[in-house]
Amino acid sequence: DALVSDGGQVAVVLTADCLPVLLCDDKARYVAAVHCGWRGLAGGILQATIDRIPVAPGRLMAWLGPAIGPERYEVGIEVRQAMIERVAAAAAAFVPVRRGHWLCDLYRIARVQLTGLGVEQVFGGKFCTFKEEQRFYSYRRDRRTGRFGSFIWLNGNA
């Protein structure tokens, strides 16, 4: 899921442990909110969103919001294969923990994809929804349904 806005809408994404990515251009004309779970990242959600923003990717900035961190997000072989098929450099974002299971760094995968698409200014990516219990909700930790929102909007004329 993603939403691109030219100022007429607030762009918001709801997540639990997935990665919210917020984008804006350097002239403050466009913003976007992107829900980046493993399926979205493997399916090209970042590229599809950037393709809909009518500026060169080098003029975009990205912020990586709170998500499950690389020390807590364990995945199976299907996730690893899907990511590596999309971008071979994503292989470095996986650390084996036992046969057929890896710890996955969503932040690293998003950074690899964003820089590969030409987005050079990438910020954030320092939170862990699972570990930071006092700050964030985590479905994987709490095992009950809930979400939090990440918002981005344009305020007035730039």
C-alpha atoms as a PDB file:
ATOM      1  CA  ASP A   1       0.000   0.000   0.000  1.00  0.00           C
ATOM      2  CA  ALA A   2       1.186   3.504  -0.739  1.00  0.00           C
ATOM      3  CA  LEU A   3      -0.230   6.984  -1.176  1.00  0.00           C
ATOM      4  CA  VAL A   4       1.354   9.859  -3.108  1.00  0.00           C
ATOM      5  CA  SER A   5       0.045  13.381  -2.495  1.00  0.00           C
ATOM      6  CA  ASP A   6       0.727  16.763  -4.047  1.00  0.00           C
ATOM      7  CA  GLY A   7      -0.605  18.552  -0.987  1.00  0.00           C
ATOM      8  CA  GLY A   8      -4.287  17.770  -1.262  1.00  0.00           C
ATOM      9  CA  GLN A   9      -4.107  14.873   1.194  1.00  0.00           C
ATOM     10  CA  VAL A  10      -2.224  13.760   4.259  1.00  0.00           C
ATOM     11  CA  ALA A  11      -0.318  10.598   3.384  1.00  0.00           C
ATOM     12  CA  VAL A  12      -0.523   7.997   6.131  1.00  0.00           C
ATOM     13  CA  VAL A  13       0.493   4.394   6.566  1.00  0.00           C
ATOM     14  CA  LEU A  14      -0.571   2.079   9.392  1.00  0.00           C
ATOM     15  CA  THR A  15       1.927  -0.532  10.546  1.00  0.00           C
ATOM     16  CA  ALA A  16       2.570  -2.936  13.408  1.00  0.00           C
ATOM     17  CA  ASP A  17       6.047  -4.349  12.701  1.00  0.00           C
ATOM     18  CA  CYS A  18       6.291  -3.591   8.977  1.00  0.00           C
ATOM     19  CA  LEU A  19       8.384  -0.670   7.810  1.00  0.00           C
ATOM     20  CA  PRO A  20       6.756   2.701   7.096  1.00  0.00           C
ATOM     21  CA  VAL A  21       8.698   4.719   4.526  1.00  0.00           C
ATOM     22  CA  LEU A  22       7.886   8.416   4.145  1.00  0.00           C
ATOM     23  CA  LEU A  23       9.081  10.297   1.055  1.00  0.00           C
ATOM     24  CA  CYS A  24       9.189  13.948   0.024  1.00  0.00           C
ATOM     25  CA  ASP A  25      10.858  15.915  -2.745  1.00  0.00           C
ATOM     26  CA  ASP A  26      13.378  18.711  -2.228  1.00  0.00           C
ATOM     27  CA  LYS A  27      10.934  21.415  -3.381  1.00  0.00           C
ATOM     28  CA  ALA A  28       8.162  20.292  -0.970  1.00  0.00           C
ATOM     29  CA  ARG A  29       5.677  19.597  -3.745  1.00  0.00           C
ATOM     30  CA  TYR A  30       5.087  15.870  -3.216  1.00  0.00           C
ATOM     31  CA  VAL A  31       4.920  13.465  -0.299  1.00  0.00           C
ATOM     32  CA  ALA A  32       4.293   9.744  -0.058  1.00  0.00           C
ATOM     33  CA  ALA A  33       3.705   7.128   2.622  1.00  0.00           C
ATOM     34  CA  VAL A  34       4.600   3.522   1.843  1.00  0.00           C
ATOM     35  CA  HIS A  35       3.794   0.332   3.771  1.00  0.00           C
ATOM     36  CA  CYS A  36       6.829  -1.927   3.383  1.00  0.00           C
ATOM     37  CA  GLY A  37       6.317  -5.419   4.642  1.00  0.00           C
ATOM     38  CA  TRP A  38       8.442  -8.140   3.147  1.00  0.00           C
ATOM     39  CA  ARG A  39       5.893  -8.841   0.402  1.00  0.00           C
ATOM     40  CA  GLY A  40       5.730  -5.177  -0.583  1.00  0.00           C
ATOM     41  CA  LEU A  41       9.507  -4.819  -0.647  1.00  0.00           C
ATOM     42  CA  ALA A  42       9.870  -8.025  -2.661  1.00  0.00           C
ATOM     43  CA  GLY A  43       7.056  -6.916  -4.961  1.00  0.00           C
ATOM     44  CA  GLY A  44       8.574  -3.530  -5.778  1.00  0.00           C
ATOM     45  CA  ILE A  45       6.342  -1.176  -3.770  1.00  0.00           C
ATOM     46  CA  LEU A  46       9.130   1.387  -3.391  1.00  0.00           C
ATOM     47  CA  GLN A  47       9.813   1.499  -7.118  1.00  0.00           C
ATOM     48  CA  ALA A  48       6.105   1.689  -7.952  1.00  0.00           C
ATOM     49  CA  THR A  49       5.679   4.607  -5.542  1.00  0.00           C
ATOM     50  CA  ILE A  50       8.754   6.494  -6.753  1.00  0.00           C
ATOM     51  CA  ASP A  51       7.612   6.011 -10.348  1.00  0.00           C
ATOM     52  CA  ARG A  52       4.395   7.885  -9.492  1.00  0.00           C
ATOM     53  CA  ILE A  53       6.183  10.920  -8.051  1.00  0.00           C
ATOM     54  CA  PRO A  54       6.871  13.248 -10.999  1.00  0.00           C
ATOM     55  CA  VAL A  55      10.409  14.258  -9.978  1.00  0.00           C
ATOM     56  CA  ALA A  56      13.788  12.609 -10.416  1.00  0.00           C
ATOM     57  CA  PRO A  57      14.549  10.100  -7.617  1.00  0.00           C
ATOM     58  CA  GLY A  58      17.715  12.040  -6.778  1.00  0.00           C
ATOM     59  CA  ARG A  59      15.483  14.890  -5.612  1.00  0.00           C
ATOM     60  CA  LEU A  60      13.675  12.695  -3.091  1.00  0.00           C
ATOM     61  CA  MET A  61      14.347  12.184   0.595  1.00  0.00           C
ATOM     62  CA  ALA A  62      13.197   9.104   2.502  1.00  0.00           C
ATOM     63  CA  TRP A  63      12.613   8.485   6.183  1.00  0.00           C
ATOM     64  CA  LEU A  64      12.478   4.932   7.505  1.00  0.00           C
ATOM     65  CA  GLY A  65      10.064   4.783  10.429  1.00  0.00           C
ATOM     66  CA  PRO A  66       9.706   2.332  13.314  1.00  0.00           C
ATOM     67  CA  ALA A  67       9.743  -1.350  12.332  1.00  0.00           C
ATOM     68  CA  ILE A  68      10.808  -4.675  13.761  1.00  0.00           C
ATOM     69  CA  GLY A  69      14.593  -4.593  13.999  1.00  0.00           C
ATOM     70  CA  PRO A  70      17.197  -6.893  12.478  1.00  0.00           C
ATOM     71  CA  GLU A  71      17.825  -8.680  15.792  1.00  0.00           C
ATOM     72  CA  ARG A  72      14.174  -9.764  16.126  1.00  0.00           C
ATOM     73  CA  TYR A  73      12.694 -10.328  12.665  1.00  0.00           C
ATOM     74  CA  GLU A  74      13.112 -14.010  11.851  1.00  0.00           C
ATOM     75  CA  VAL A  75      12.015 -15.216   8.422  1.00  0.00           C
ATOM     76  CA  GLY A  76      12.041 -18.381   6.348  1.00  0.00           C
ATOM     77  CA  ILE A  77      13.647 -19.213   3.044  1.00  0.00           C
ATOM     78  CA  GLU A  78      10.710 -17.916   0.953  1.00  0.00           C
ATOM     79  CA  VAL A  79      11.213 -14.375   2.265  1.00  0.00           C
ATOM     80  CA  ARG A  80      14.968 -14.438   1.710  1.00  0.00           C
ATOM     81  CA  GLN A  81      14.603 -15.804  -1.829  1.00  0.00           C
ATOM     82  CA  ALA A  82      11.928 -13.271  -2.776  1.00  0.00           C
ATOM     83  CA  MET A  83      14.076 -10.365  -1.590  1.00  0.00           C
ATOM     84  CA  ILE A  84      17.244 -11.573  -3.294  1.00  0.00           C
ATOM     85  CA  GLU A  85      15.356 -12.179  -6.541  1.00  0.00           C
ATOM     86  CA  ARG A  86      14.242  -8.527  -6.438  1.00  0.00           C
ATOM     87  CA  VAL A  87      17.679  -7.096  -5.560  1.00  0.00           C
ATOM     88  CA  ALA A  88      20.702  -9.383  -5.263  1.00  0.00           C
ATOM     89  CA  ALA A  89      22.419  -6.961  -2.861  1.00  0.00           C
ATOM     90  CA  ALA A  90      19.645  -7.683  -0.337  1.00  0.00           C
ATOM     91  CA  ALA A  91      21.453 -10.926   0.531  1.00  0.00           C
ATOM     92  CA  ALA A  92      23.618  -8.940   2.951  1.00  0.00           C
ATOM     93  CA  ALA A  93      20.483  -8.115   4.993  1.00  0.00           C
ATOM     94  CA  PHE A  94      20.070 -11.733   6.153  1.00  0.00           C
ATOM     95  CA  VAL A  95      21.916 -13.507   8.971  1.00  0.00           C
ATOM     96  CA  PRO A  96      21.379 -17.267   9.358  1.00  0.00           C
ATOM     97  CA  VAL A  97      20.073 -18.362  12.774  1.00  0.00           C
ATOM     98  CA  ARG A  98      19.232 -22.016  12.083  1.00  0.00           C
ATOM     99  CA  ARG A  99      18.576 -24.207   9.087  1.00  0.00           C
ATOM    100  CA  GLY A 100      16.087 -22.464   6.779  1.00  0.00           C
ATOM    101  CA  HIS A 101      15.729 -19.377   9.011  1.00  0.00           C
ATOM    102  CA  TRP A 102      17.366 -15.963   8.947  1.00  0.00           C
ATOM    103  CA  LEU A 103      17.217 -12.695  10.804  1.00  0.00           C
ATOM    104  CA  CYS A 104      16.086 -10.063   8.313  1.00  0.00           C
ATOM    105  CA  ASP A 105      17.030  -6.377   8.299  1.00  0.00           C
ATOM    106  CA  LEU A 106      14.094  -4.566   6.671  1.00  0.00           C
ATOM    107  CA  TYR A 107      15.889  -1.246   7.099  1.00  0.00           C
ATOM    108  CA  ARG A 108      18.897  -2.454   5.125  1.00  0.00           C
ATOM    109  CA  ILE A 109      16.728  -3.889   2.363  1.00  0.00           C
ATOM    110  CA  ALA A 110      14.810  -0.624   2.036  1.00  0.00           C
ATOM    111  CA  ARG A 111      18.062   1.375   1.937  1.00  0.00           C
ATOM    112  CA  VAL A 112      19.502  -0.914  -0.752  1.00  0.00           C
ATOM    113  CA  GLN A 113      16.350  -0.571  -2.832  1.00  0.00           C
ATOM    114  CA  LEU A 114      16.037   3.197  -2.359  1.00  0.00           C
ATOM    115  CA  THR A 115      19.662   3.940  -3.232  1.00  0.00           C
ATOM    116  CA  GLY A 116      19.429   1.538  -6.165  1.00  0.00           C
ATOM    117  CA  LEU A 117      16.474   3.583  -7.421  1.00  0.00           C
ATOM    118  CA  GLY A 118      18.463   6.816  -7.105  1.00  0.00           C
ATOM    119  CA  VAL A 119      17.236   8.103  -3.721  1.00  0.00           C
ATOM    120  CA  GLU A 120      20.456   9.209  -2.045  1.00  0.00           C
ATOM    121  CA  GLN A 121      19.084  10.890   1.084  1.00  0.00           C
ATOM    122  CA  VAL A 122      17.747   8.158   3.358  1.00  0.00           C
ATOM    123  CA  PHE A 123      17.226   8.837   7.058  1.00  0.00           C
ATOM    124  CA  GLY A 124      15.864   6.978  10.085  1.00  0.00           C
ATOM    125  CA  GLY A 125      15.907   3.237  10.521  1.00  0.00           C
ATOM    126  CA  LYS A 126      17.094   3.164  14.108  1.00  0.00           C
ATOM    127  CA  PHE A 127      14.052   1.812  15.949  1.00  0.00           C
ATOM    128  CA  CYS A 128      12.807  -1.660  16.847  1.00  0.00           C
ATOM    129  CA  THR A 129       9.104  -2.008  17.484  1.00  0.00           C
ATOM    130  CA  PHE A 130       9.687  -5.369  19.170  1.00  0.00           C
ATOM    131  CA  LYS A 131      12.441  -4.298  21.593  1.00  0.00           C
ATOM    132  CA  GLU A 132      11.150  -0.803  22.376  1.00  0.00           C
ATOM    133  CA  GLU A 133       8.064  -1.912  24.285  1.00  0.00           C
ATOM    134  CA  GLN A 134       7.521   1.450  26.019  1.00  0.00           C
ATOM    135  CA  ARG A 135       7.495   3.337  22.698  1.00  0.00           C
ATOM    136  CA  PHE A 136       5.897   1.070  20.109  1.00  0.00           C
ATOM    137  CA  TYR A 137       3.236  -1.525  19.531  1.00  0.00           C
ATOM    138  CA  SER A 138       4.445  -4.829  18.067  1.00  0.00           C
ATOM    139  CA  TYR A 139       2.182  -7.604  16.871  1.00  0.00           C
ATOM    140  CA  ARG A 140       5.012 -10.124  17.012  1.00  0.00           C
ATOM    141  CA  ARG A 141       5.698  -9.186  20.623  1.00  0.00           C
ATOM    142  CA  ASP A 142       2.157  -8.573  21.928  1.00  0.00           C
ATOM    143  CA  ARG A 143       0.233 -11.109  19.788  1.00  0.00           C
ATOM    144  CA  ARG A 144      -2.839  -8.895  19.604  1.00  0.00           C
ATOM    145  CA  THR A 145      -4.111  -6.747  16.775  1.00  0.00           C
ATOM    146  CA  GLY A 146      -3.181  -3.066  16.708  1.00  0.00           C
ATOM    147  CA  ARG A 147      -1.433  -0.487  14.549  1.00  0.00           C
ATOM    148  CA  PHE A 148       0.231   2.878  14.732  1.00  0.00           C
ATOM    149  CA  GLY A 149       0.319   5.558  12.075  1.00  0.00           C
ATOM    150  CA  SER A 150       3.120   7.396  10.297  1.00  0.00           C
ATOM    151  CA  PHE A 151       1.972  10.640   8.655  1.00  0.00           C
ATOM    152  CA  ILE A 152       3.478  13.087   6.193  1.00  0.00           C
ATOM    153  CA  TRP A 153       1.881  16.190   4.644  1.00  0.00           C
ATOM    154  CA  LEU A 154       2.642  19.518   3.074  1.00  0.00           C
ATOM    155  CA  ASN A 155       1.914  22.581   5.169  1.00  0.00           C
ATOM    156  CA  GLY A 156       1.092  25.628   3.063  1.00  0.00           C
ATOM    157  CA  ASN A 157       2.992  26.752  -0.004  1.00  0.00           C
ATOM    158  CA  ALA A 158       6.726  26.229  -0.183  1.00  0.00           C
END
